[in-house]
Amino acid sequence: MRQIELQYVMNQAGEKTAVILPITEFKELLEDLEDLAAIAERRAESTISHDEVVAELKRDGLIPS
């Protein structure tokens, strides 16, 4: 797991109310969330074997036979 540099915004009582992180880390986190959402949406879909995927790609001319 990667180490993320975080800075916290605190209220007068010393409670953390927000976080500041580098924009690159923020963008990476957004991409991760999008990937997880896509996985969750496709969770109920049936799966196919690697050989079937390769056969389909060859049939569609996307990889050489």
Protein backbone atom coordinates (compact mmCIF):
# COMPACT_ATOMS: atom_id res chain seq x y z
CA MET A 1 0.00 0.00 0.00
CA ARG A 2 1.31 3.44 -0.88
CA GLN A 3 1.96 6.16 1.65
CA ILE A 4 -0.18 9.28 1.12
CA GLU A 5 0.96 12.67 2.38
CA LEU A 6 -2.00 14.16 4.25
CA GLN A 7 -2.51 17.46 5.99
CA TYR A 8 -5.53 18.08 8.17
CA VAL A 9 -7.74 21.12 8.66
CA MET A 10 -8.85 21.39 12.27
CA ASN A 11 -11.53 23.42 13.96
CA GLN A 12 -10.95 25.49 17.10
CA ALA A 13 -11.66 22.44 19.26
CA GLY A 14 -8.80 20.59 17.58
CA GLU A 15 -11.09 18.20 15.71
CA LYS A 16 -10.13 17.17 12.19
CA THR A 17 -12.72 18.58 9.79
CA ALA A 18 -11.06 18.18 6.39
CA VAL A 19 -7.99 16.79 4.70
CA ILE A 20 -5.55 18.27 2.21
CA LEU A 21 -3.64 15.99 -0.11
CA PRO A 22 -1.54 16.49 -3.25
CA ILE A 23 -3.61 16.74 -6.44
CA THR A 24 -1.84 13.74 -7.96
CA GLU A 25 -2.89 11.61 -5.00
CA PHE A 26 -6.45 12.95 -5.27
CA LYS A 27 -6.62 12.06 -8.97
CA GLU A 28 -5.29 8.56 -8.27
CA LEU A 29 -7.89 8.06 -5.55
CA LEU A 30 -10.65 9.17 -7.94
CA GLU A 31 -9.42 6.69 -10.56
CA ASP A 32 -9.41 3.94 -7.93
CA LEU A 33 -12.98 4.81 -6.95
CA GLU A 34 -14.09 4.74 -10.59
CA ASP A 35 -12.47 1.32 -11.04
CA LEU A 36 -14.17 -0.02 -7.91
CA ALA A 37 -17.54 1.35 -9.08
CA ALA A 38 -17.12 -0.37 -12.45
CA ILE A 39 -16.25 -3.64 -10.73
CA ALA A 40 -19.28 -3.36 -8.47
CA GLU A 41 -21.59 -2.66 -11.42
CA ARG A 42 -20.32 -5.71 -13.32
CA ARG A 43 -20.27 -8.03 -10.33
CA ALA A 44 -23.30 -10.07 -11.44
CA GLU A 45 -22.09 -10.55 -15.01
CA SER A 46 -21.08 -14.02 -16.06
CA THR A 47 -17.42 -14.69 -16.70
CA ILE A 48 -15.64 -16.29 -19.63
CA SER A 49 -12.33 -18.09 -19.78
CA HIS A 50 -9.09 -16.57 -20.99
CA ASP A 51 -9.16 -18.90 -24.00
CA GLU A 52 -12.62 -17.61 -24.95
CA VAL A 53 -11.43 -14.01 -24.71
CA VAL A 54 -8.42 -14.75 -26.92
CA ALA A 55 -10.65 -16.56 -29.45
CA GLU A 56 -13.05 -13.59 -29.59
CA LEU A 57 -10.19 -11.11 -30.06
CA LYS A 58 -8.76 -13.22 -32.87
CA ARG A 59 -12.20 -13.59 -34.49
CA ASP A 60 -12.70 -9.82 -34.34
CA GLY A 61 -9.25 -9.21 -35.83
CA LEU A 62 -8.01 -7.38 -32.75
CA ILE A 63 -5.06 -9.72 -32.28
CA PRO A 64 -3.27 -11.85 -34.88
CA SER A 65 -4.33 -15.47 -35.31
